[in-house]
Protein backbone atom coordinates (compact mmCIF):
# COMPACT_ATOMS: atom_id res chain seq x y z
CA MET A 1 -8.69 22.82 -12.03
CA ASN A 2 -8.18 20.38 -9.15
CA LYS A 3 -7.08 16.94 -10.39
CA LEU A 4 -9.81 15.17 -8.43
CA VAL A 5 -12.47 17.44 -9.89
CA ARG A 6 -11.30 16.45 -13.39
CA GLU A 7 -11.29 12.78 -12.47
CA ILE A 8 -14.78 12.76 -11.08
CA ILE A 9 -16.21 13.40 -14.54
CA LYS A 10 -15.35 9.77 -15.41
CA PRO A 11 -15.48 7.95 -12.07
CA THR A 12 -16.01 4.47 -13.46
CA ILE A 13 -12.88 4.66 -15.62
CA ILE A 14 -10.77 6.17 -12.84
CA ASP A 15 -11.89 3.55 -10.32
CA LEU A 16 -11.12 0.74 -12.73
CA GLU A 17 -7.66 1.98 -13.70
CA THR A 18 -6.67 2.88 -10.13
CA SER A 19 -7.65 -0.57 -8.94
CA LYS A 20 -5.69 -2.20 -11.76
CA VAL A 21 -2.52 -0.22 -11.07
CA LEU A 22 -2.60 -0.89 -7.33
CA LYS A 23 -3.31 -4.57 -7.82
CA LEU A 24 -0.65 -5.15 -10.46
CA THR A 25 2.04 -3.12 -8.69
CA GLU A 26 1.67 -5.07 -5.47
CA GLN A 27 1.32 -8.37 -7.30
CA ILE A 28 4.58 -7.76 -9.18
CA ILE A 29 6.47 -7.12 -5.94
CA ASN A 30 4.69 -9.49 -3.58
CA GLU A 31 3.81 -12.42 -5.79
CA GLY A 32 5.93 -12.22 -8.93
CA GLY A 33 4.87 -10.40 -12.06
CA PHE A 34 5.62 -13.08 -14.70
CA ALA A 35 6.27 -10.35 -17.25
CA PHE A 36 8.10 -12.70 -19.67
CA ASP A 37 7.42 -16.07 -21.25
CA ASN A 38 11.04 -17.22 -21.42
CA VAL A 39 11.88 -17.25 -17.70
CA SER A 40 12.26 -20.03 -15.15
CA ASP A 41 11.87 -20.18 -11.39
CA VAL A 42 14.98 -19.24 -9.44
CA PRO A 43 16.57 -21.84 -7.13
CA SER A 44 17.65 -20.10 -3.92
CA SER A 45 21.08 -21.72 -4.25
CA LYS A 46 21.67 -19.75 -7.46
CA ALA A 47 20.04 -16.44 -6.43
CA ARG A 48 23.12 -14.71 -5.02
CA SER A 49 25.26 -15.55 -8.05
CA ILE A 50 22.55 -14.26 -10.37
CA PHE A 51 22.21 -11.12 -8.25
CA LYS A 52 25.97 -10.41 -8.48
CA GLU A 53 25.91 -10.76 -12.27
CA TYR A 54 22.94 -8.39 -12.46
CA ILE A 55 24.64 -5.81 -10.21
CA ILE A 56 27.79 -5.82 -12.34
CA LEU A 57 25.72 -5.09 -15.43
CA LEU A 58 23.48 -2.55 -13.67
CA SER A 59 26.51 -0.60 -12.44
CA LYS A 60 27.46 0.14 -16.04
CA SER A 61 24.23 2.08 -16.52
CA LYS A 62 25.29 4.62 -13.85
CA LEU A 63 21.58 5.22 -13.25
CA ILE A 64 21.22 3.40 -9.91
CA ASP A 65 23.18 3.66 -6.65
CA ILE A 66 24.58 0.12 -6.63
CA ASP A 67 25.49 0.21 -2.94
CA LYS A 68 21.81 0.51 -2.04
CA VAL A 69 20.38 -2.24 -4.23
CA VAL A 70 18.82 -4.83 -1.90
CA GLY A 71 16.36 -7.68 -2.02
CA ILE A 72 12.81 -6.99 -0.86
CA GLY A 73 10.01 -9.29 0.17
CA SER A 74 10.95 -12.96 0.10
CA SER A 75 13.97 -12.12 -2.10
CA ARG A 76 15.58 -10.43 0.90
CA GLN A 77 15.44 -13.70 2.81
CA ILE A 78 16.77 -15.69 -0.13
CA LEU A 79 19.68 -13.35 -0.90
CA GLN A 80 20.64 -13.10 2.77
CA LYS A 81 20.19 -16.87 3.25
CA LEU A 82 17.90 -16.33 6.21
CA PRO A 83 16.08 -19.16 7.99
CA GLY A 84 12.65 -19.81 6.52
CA ALA A 85 13.57 -18.60 3.01
CA LYS A 86 11.95 -20.24 0.00
CA GLN A 87 13.87 -22.94 -1.83
CA VAL A 88 12.55 -21.68 -5.16
CA SER A 89 11.23 -18.26 -6.18
CA GLY A 90 9.37 -17.05 -9.24
CA ASP A 91 11.66 -14.05 -9.62
CA ILE A 92 14.09 -11.79 -7.77
CA ASP A 93 12.63 -8.55 -6.38
CA LEU A 94 15.03 -5.68 -5.73
CA LEU A 95 14.93 -2.08 -4.55
CA GLY A 96 17.29 0.65 -5.70
CA VAL A 97 17.71 4.44 -5.57
CA THR A 98 18.38 6.65 -8.57
CA THR A 99 21.70 8.46 -8.80
CA SER A 100 20.02 11.49 -10.37
CA LYS A 101 18.38 14.22 -8.33
CA LYS A 102 17.05 15.88 -11.48
CA ASP A 103 15.48 13.07 -13.49
CA SER A 104 12.13 11.67 -12.41
CA VAL A 105 11.82 7.99 -11.54
CA LYS A 106 9.80 7.56 -14.73
CA ASP A 107 12.63 9.04 -16.81
CA VAL A 108 15.20 6.83 -15.08
CA SER A 109 13.02 3.78 -15.73
CA ARG A 110 12.87 4.60 -19.44
CA LYS A 111 16.63 5.11 -19.62
CA LEU A 112 17.21 1.83 -17.81
CA VAL A 113 14.95 -0.06 -20.22
CA ARG A 114 16.91 1.39 -23.14
CA PHE A 115 20.19 0.44 -21.45
CA PHE A 116 19.15 -3.20 -21.05
CA GLU A 117 17.78 -3.38 -24.58
CA GLN A 118 21.10 -2.08 -25.93
CA LYS A 119 22.73 -4.99 -24.11
CA GLY A 120 20.34 -7.39 -25.86
CA ILE A 121 18.27 -8.02 -22.72
CA GLU A 122 14.47 -7.94 -22.91
CA SER A 123 13.17 -5.31 -20.52
CA LYS A 124 9.84 -3.73 -19.55
CA SER A 125 8.79 -0.81 -17.37
CA PHE A 126 5.70 -0.99 -15.15
CA PHE A 127 3.97 2.13 -13.76
CA GLY A 128 7.09 4.24 -14.17
CA ASN A 129 8.93 2.87 -11.13
CA ILE A 130 9.52 -0.85 -11.77
CA VAL A 131 11.91 -2.18 -14.40
CA SER A 132 11.69 -5.91 -15.13
CA VAL A 133 14.24 -7.86 -17.16
CA SER A 134 14.46 -11.34 -18.57
CA PHE A 135 18.02 -11.87 -17.36
CA PRO A 136 20.36 -14.37 -19.04
CA SER A 137 22.55 -15.60 -16.19
CA LYS A 138 25.79 -17.49 -16.64
CA ALA A 139 25.32 -18.95 -13.16
CA TYR A 140 22.00 -20.50 -14.13
CA THR A 141 21.92 -21.53 -17.76
CA LYS A 142 18.66 -23.51 -17.72
CA ASN A 143 16.71 -20.44 -18.77
CA ASN A 144 16.47 -16.70 -18.20
CA VAL A 145 15.22 -15.43 -14.83
CA GLN A 146 13.00 -12.47 -14.13
CA ILE A 147 14.46 -9.65 -12.02
CA ASP A 148 12.21 -6.77 -10.92
CA LEU A 149 13.85 -3.55 -9.75
CA MET A 150 11.69 -1.03 -7.90
CA ILE A 151 13.24 2.42 -8.19
CA ALA A 152 13.01 4.98 -5.37
CA VAL A 153 13.84 8.67 -5.50
CA PRO A 154 16.75 10.13 -3.52
CA SER A 155 15.46 11.65 -0.27
CA PRO A 156 16.80 13.30 2.89
CA LYS A 157 18.38 10.64 5.11
CA ASP A 158 17.20 8.01 2.59
CA ARG A 159 13.73 8.09 4.19
CA VAL A 160 11.87 6.89 1.08
CA TYR A 161 14.36 4.08 0.51
CA LYS A 162 14.19 2.89 4.13
CA TYR A 163 10.39 3.10 4.16
CA LEU A 164 10.14 0.86 1.09
CA ARG A 165 12.92 -1.49 2.22
CA ASP A 166 12.00 -1.94 5.88
CA LEU A 167 8.25 -1.44 5.98
CA LYS A 168 6.26 -1.54 2.77
CA PHE A 169 8.12 -4.43 1.11
CA PHE A 170 9.76 -6.13 4.07
CA SER A 171 9.17 -9.83 4.70
CA ALA A 172 10.39 -12.14 7.46
CA GLU A 173 7.75 -14.85 7.08
CA ASP A 174 8.79 -18.47 7.33
CA TYR A 175 7.96 -20.25 4.11
CA ARG A 176 5.32 -22.85 4.99
CA GLU A 177 4.81 -25.95 2.89
CA ASP A 178 2.28 -28.77 3.09
CA THR A 179 -0.08 -26.85 5.34
CA PRO A 180 -3.54 -25.40 4.66
CA LEU A 181 -2.44 -22.17 6.37
CA VAL A 182 -0.28 -20.15 4.00
CA ILE A 183 1.15 -16.87 5.29
CA LYS A 184 3.18 -14.73 2.90
CA GLY A 185 4.88 -11.37 3.03
CA ALA A 186 1.90 -9.79 1.30
CA HIS A 187 -0.34 -10.80 4.22
CA ARG A 188 1.91 -8.99 6.69
CA ALA A 189 2.49 -5.90 4.53
CA GLU A 190 -1.20 -5.37 3.81
CA LEU A 191 -2.21 -6.04 7.42
CA ILE A 192 0.13 -3.27 8.61
CA ARG A 193 -1.13 -0.96 5.86
CA PHE A 194 -4.75 -1.49 6.90
CA LEU A 195 -3.81 -1.15 10.57
CA THR A 196 -2.32 2.29 9.89
CA LYS A 197 -5.58 3.24 8.21
CA ALA A 198 -7.29 2.66 11.53
CA VAL A 199 -5.13 5.38 13.09
CA GLY A 200 -5.51 7.84 10.24
CA LEU A 201 -2.32 7.18 8.25
CA GLY A 202 -1.66 5.97 4.73
CA PHE A 203 1.14 4.27 2.80
CA GLY A 204 2.11 6.27 -0.27
CA PRO A 205 4.88 5.76 -2.84
CA LYS A 206 7.12 8.21 -0.96
CA GLY A 207 6.23 7.33 2.60
CA ILE A 208 3.53 7.66 5.23
CA PHE A 209 0.97 10.44 4.88
CA ALA A 210 -2.01 11.89 6.72
CA PHE A 211 -4.80 14.38 6.04
CA ARG A 212 -5.05 17.84 7.63
CA TRP A 213 -8.12 20.11 7.76
CA ASN A 214 -7.83 22.62 4.91
CA ASN A 215 -10.03 25.50 6.16
CA LYS A 216 -11.41 25.85 2.64
CA TYR A 217 -15.04 26.48 3.58
CA LYS A 218 -16.28 29.35 5.71
CA ASN A 219 -19.84 28.03 5.98
CA VAL A 220 -21.71 24.76 5.59
CA LYS A 221 -23.82 26.06 2.71
CA ASP A 222 -20.77 26.41 0.46
CA LEU A 223 -19.71 22.83 1.27
CA ILE A 224 -23.19 21.51 0.49
CA LYS A 225 -23.24 23.50 -2.76
CA ASP A 226 -19.96 21.89 -3.93
CA ILE A 227 -21.18 18.40 -3.02
CA GLU A 228 -24.42 18.97 -4.95
CA GLU A 229 -22.41 20.15 -7.97
CA LYS A 230 -20.41 16.95 -7.87
CA ILE A 231 -23.59 14.90 -7.62
CA LYS A 232 -24.79 16.45 -10.89
CA ARG A 233 -21.58 15.35 -12.65
CA MET A 234 -21.71 11.77 -11.45
CA ARG A 235 -22.87 9.10 -13.85
CA LYS A 236 -23.50 6.27 -11.41
CA GLN A 237 -26.81 6.38 -9.58
CA GLU A 238 -25.20 4.60 -6.62
CA TYR A 239 -22.70 7.46 -6.28
CA LYS A 240 -25.46 10.03 -6.45
CA GLU A 241 -27.40 8.31 -3.66
CA ILE A 242 -24.36 8.00 -1.41
CA MET A 243 -23.31 11.61 -1.92
CA THR A 244 -26.86 12.67 -1.12
CA GLN A 245 -26.51 10.90 2.24
CA PHE A 246 -23.45 13.02 2.94
CA VAL A 247 -25.46 16.16 2.13
CA GLY A 248 -27.96 15.14 4.79
CA PHE A 249 -25.18 14.31 7.22
CA PHE A 250 -23.35 17.63 6.93
CA SER A 251 -26.60 19.64 6.84
CA LYS A 252 -27.19 18.74 10.48
CA TYR A 253 -24.34 21.05 11.50
CA LYS A 254 -24.78 24.83 11.56
CA THR A 255 -21.10 25.80 11.30
CA MET A 256 -17.93 24.44 9.73
CA GLN A 257 -16.30 24.68 13.15
CA LYS A 258 -18.70 22.02 14.45
CA ILE A 259 -17.91 19.76 11.50
CA GLN A 260 -14.21 20.33 12.16
CA VAL A 261 -14.63 19.32 15.82
CA LEU A 262 -16.44 16.21 14.64
CA LEU A 263 -13.85 15.12 12.08
CA VAL A 264 -10.49 16.46 13.30
CA ASN A 265 -8.23 15.21 16.07
CA LYS A 266 -7.51 18.39 18.03
CA GLU A 267 -4.12 17.10 19.19
CA THR A 268 -2.69 16.29 15.76
CA GLY A 269 -4.78 18.48 13.47
CA TYR A 270 -5.35 15.45 11.23
CA ILE A 271 -8.55 13.62 10.42
CA LYS A 272 -9.83 11.50 13.31
CA ASN A 273 -8.97 7.84 13.18
CA LYS A 274 -12.53 6.64 12.93
CA TYR A 275 -13.17 8.71 9.80
CA ALA A 276 -9.74 8.32 8.20
CA ILE A 277 -10.24 4.76 7.02
CA GLY A 278 -12.60 5.83 4.27
CA LYS A 279 -10.01 7.79 2.34
CA TYR A 280 -8.28 4.59 1.25
CA SER A 281 -11.25 3.17 -0.57
CA ASP A 282 -10.91 2.80 -4.33
CA ASP A 283 -14.31 4.50 -4.54
CA ILE A 284 -14.27 8.04 -5.92
CA VAL A 285 -17.09 9.14 -3.59
CA ILE A 286 -14.98 8.90 -0.44
CA LYS A 287 -12.02 10.52 -2.16
CA VAL A 288 -14.23 13.47 -3.05
CA ILE A 289 -15.40 14.00 0.53
CA ILE A 290 -11.87 13.79 1.93
CA GLU A 291 -10.49 16.05 -0.82
CA LEU A 292 -13.09 18.73 -0.15
CA LEU A 293 -12.26 19.07 3.52
CA PHE A 294 -8.65 17.93 3.93
CA GLU A 295 -5.21 18.32 2.39
CA ARG A 296 -2.65 15.55 2.12
CA VAL A 297 0.48 15.91 4.26
CA GLU A 298 3.58 13.82 3.50
CA LEU A 299 4.78 13.02 7.02
CA SER A 300 7.83 11.13 5.77
CA GLU A 301 9.36 14.32 4.41
CA GLU A 302 10.09 15.35 7.99
CA LYS A 303 10.24 12.10 9.99
CA ASP A 304 11.43 8.52 9.60
CA TRP A 305 8.64 5.98 9.23
CA GLU A 306 9.59 4.37 12.57
CA ASP A 307 9.06 7.62 14.46
CA ILE A 308 5.72 8.21 12.73
CA LEU A 309 4.40 4.78 13.70
CA LYS A 310 5.81 5.01 17.20
CA GLN A 311 3.75 8.12 17.82
CA ALA A 312 0.61 6.96 16.00
CA LEU A 313 0.52 3.43 17.43
CA ASP A 314 2.13 4.17 20.81
CA ILE A 315 4.98 1.73 20.16
CA LYS A 316 7.83 1.44 22.62
CA GLY A 317 11.19 0.04 21.52
CA ASN A 318 12.08 -1.30 18.09
CA VAL A 319 9.17 -0.87 15.67
CA LEU A 320 10.28 -3.33 13.02
CA SER A 321 10.86 -6.17 15.47
CA GLN A 322 7.27 -5.83 16.71
CA LEU A 323 5.84 -5.82 13.17
CA ALA A 324 8.37 -8.12 11.47
CA THR A 325 5.96 -10.97 10.73
CA PHE A 326 2.23 -11.47 10.26
CA ASP A 327 1.91 -13.23 13.63
CA LYS A 328 3.74 -10.40 15.40
CA ALA A 329 1.51 -7.83 13.74
CA ILE A 330 -1.56 -9.78 14.89
CA ASP A 331 -0.22 -9.85 18.45
CA PHE A 332 0.47 -6.13 18.25
CA ILE A 333 -3.13 -5.42 17.22
CA GLU A 334 -4.29 -7.35 20.29
CA GLN A 335 -2.07 -5.12 22.44
CA LEU A 336 -3.66 -2.05 20.86
CA ARG A 337 -7.11 -3.44 21.68
CA LYS A 338 -6.14 -3.94 25.30
CA LYS A 339 -4.84 -0.37 25.50
CA GLY A 340 -8.07 0.93 23.95
CA LYS A 341 -6.19 2.38 20.97
CA VAL A 342 -8.45 0.59 18.49
CA LYS A 343 -12.02 -0.60 18.96
CA ASP A 344 -13.57 -3.84 17.77
CA LYS A 345 -16.05 -1.94 15.59
CA MET A 346 -13.17 -0.24 13.82
CA LEU A 347 -11.25 -3.51 13.40
CA ILE A 348 -14.29 -5.21 11.86
CA HIS A 349 -14.32 -2.46 9.24
CA VAL A 350 -10.54 -2.71 8.76
CA PHE A 351 -10.51 -6.50 8.38
CA ASN A 352 -13.37 -6.39 5.88
CA GLY A 353 -11.40 -3.94 3.76
CA TYR A 354 -8.32 -6.09 4.25
CA LYS A 355 -10.19 -9.18 3.07
CA ARG A 356 -11.50 -7.52 -0.07
CA HIS A 357 -8.09 -6.10 -0.91
CA ILE A 358 -6.21 -9.38 -0.36
CA LYS A 359 -8.71 -11.26 -2.54
CA ARG A 360 -8.33 -8.66 -5.30
CA LEU A 361 -4.54 -8.73 -4.97
CA LYS A 362 -4.37 -12.48 -5.44
CA GLY A 363 -7.35 -14.71 -4.76
CA ASP A 364 -5.48 -17.68 -3.31
CA LEU A 365 -3.98 -15.54 -0.54
CA TRP A 366 -7.34 -15.60 1.26
CA THR A 367 -8.34 -19.16 2.12
CA ASP A 368 -10.80 -20.70 4.56
CA ALA A 369 -7.83 -21.73 6.72
CA PHE A 370 -6.55 -18.15 6.75
CA GLU A 371 -9.96 -16.75 7.73
CA ASP A 372 -10.34 -19.37 10.46
CA TYR A 373 -6.92 -18.39 11.77
CA LEU A 374 -7.95 -14.72 12.01
CA ILE A 375 -11.18 -15.63 13.82
CA SER A 376 -9.19 -17.79 16.26
CA LYS A 377 -7.19 -14.68 17.11
CA PHE A 378 -10.13 -12.25 17.13
CA SER A 379 -13.38 -14.01 18.01
CA PHE A 380 -15.41 -10.82 17.41
CA LEU A 381 -14.74 -11.27 13.66
CA LYS A 382 -16.87 -14.43 13.50
CA GLY A 383 -19.75 -13.82 11.10
CA LYS A 384 -18.53 -10.27 10.42
CA LEU A 385 -16.17 -10.87 7.48
CA LYS A 386 -18.41 -10.24 4.49
CA GLU A 387 -17.85 -9.64 0.81
CA ASP A 388 -21.23 -8.24 -0.20
CA ILE A 389 -20.70 -4.82 1.36
CA SER A 390 -18.42 -2.42 -0.47
CA ASP A 391 -15.88 -0.14 1.21
CA VAL A 392 -17.98 2.90 0.47
CA GLN A 393 -21.21 1.34 1.74
CA GLN A 394 -19.52 0.36 5.01
CA TYR A 395 -17.94 3.75 5.39
CA VAL A 396 -21.18 5.64 4.86
CA GLN A 397 -22.97 3.38 7.33
CA PHE A 398 -20.13 3.93 9.79
CA ILE A 399 -20.25 7.73 9.56
CA ILE A 400 -24.00 8.24 9.27
CA SER A 401 -24.58 6.03 12.33
CA GLU A 402 -22.30 8.18 14.52
């Protein structure tokens, strides 16, 4: 039985747990997980010495490719002593690649936790791919420090590793103090992630992905029948009502070919940009609709993330330099608007989703000063950034109105 079909039986539980996992994973990497009580903040002057001690110990596990362990997020700036780095950090965030091509990341995480515990070091595993330790450093004896290691799988040309290092968890933000406008690496990372939604792409644990038409249904009646079956299984009345709207929407079309023309970009074979944004909602309803008609394609298995974004966003030159900071990403969106690559209506939807996600990720990341800054850059957002409309409600309104 399809995994999504099994999940839909308990949509409220799935939605809740999915939201928790996504929120906590990103919070651990972007904002510090605070997994231990006996840890202190890390002065940037001590970070490199602590890192070297950790690497020496980690090398003895033989589980991680030591040559590829690097700082991510703000820890990259601190360890490389880059301008704008924080003076103090809550923890040290690292990325590494497993040495094993047979063991899963989850298995490696478990082995690594056991390794640290055998050395007398408190360790925890989060979500099967992050190992946190309360590290007793000789270079900083005030207290233990928290070190979080995100573990990536080996991949052709290190594509997964580079995607996580240079895109998903990259940060080049200047650390701003004593100002009402606070911009952090999480702002930039999530802005780029929501921007890629607007062109039909997604950020997964192994790279960038898209959705391709699956040719599952030969006629519209069979599609409607499956949707109605799912409606019967749903517990929430809100879900039932929304799915019923989709029944009405698809019933207007006599053939699956006409629905395909409506939803699919004929040049790429993937879902059209204006419909793709819905698949990233935490809501099970949208996931059901996308799952029925499309199949997920891992683009990063064949291409580097830079090449994928170059094609999708029509980027010329170095991709990372144009998306290196939040301000640069904002300027890039404005360039896309001028080229007609993204429309204001789409960006309103994207920024509303972005706002809700940032506030769930960590409430103090979205402030009045931050919202005012966005409106100063995009005047069409004034009065349009709302919290009382859910992702799924907006998406249904967006599709049904087409």
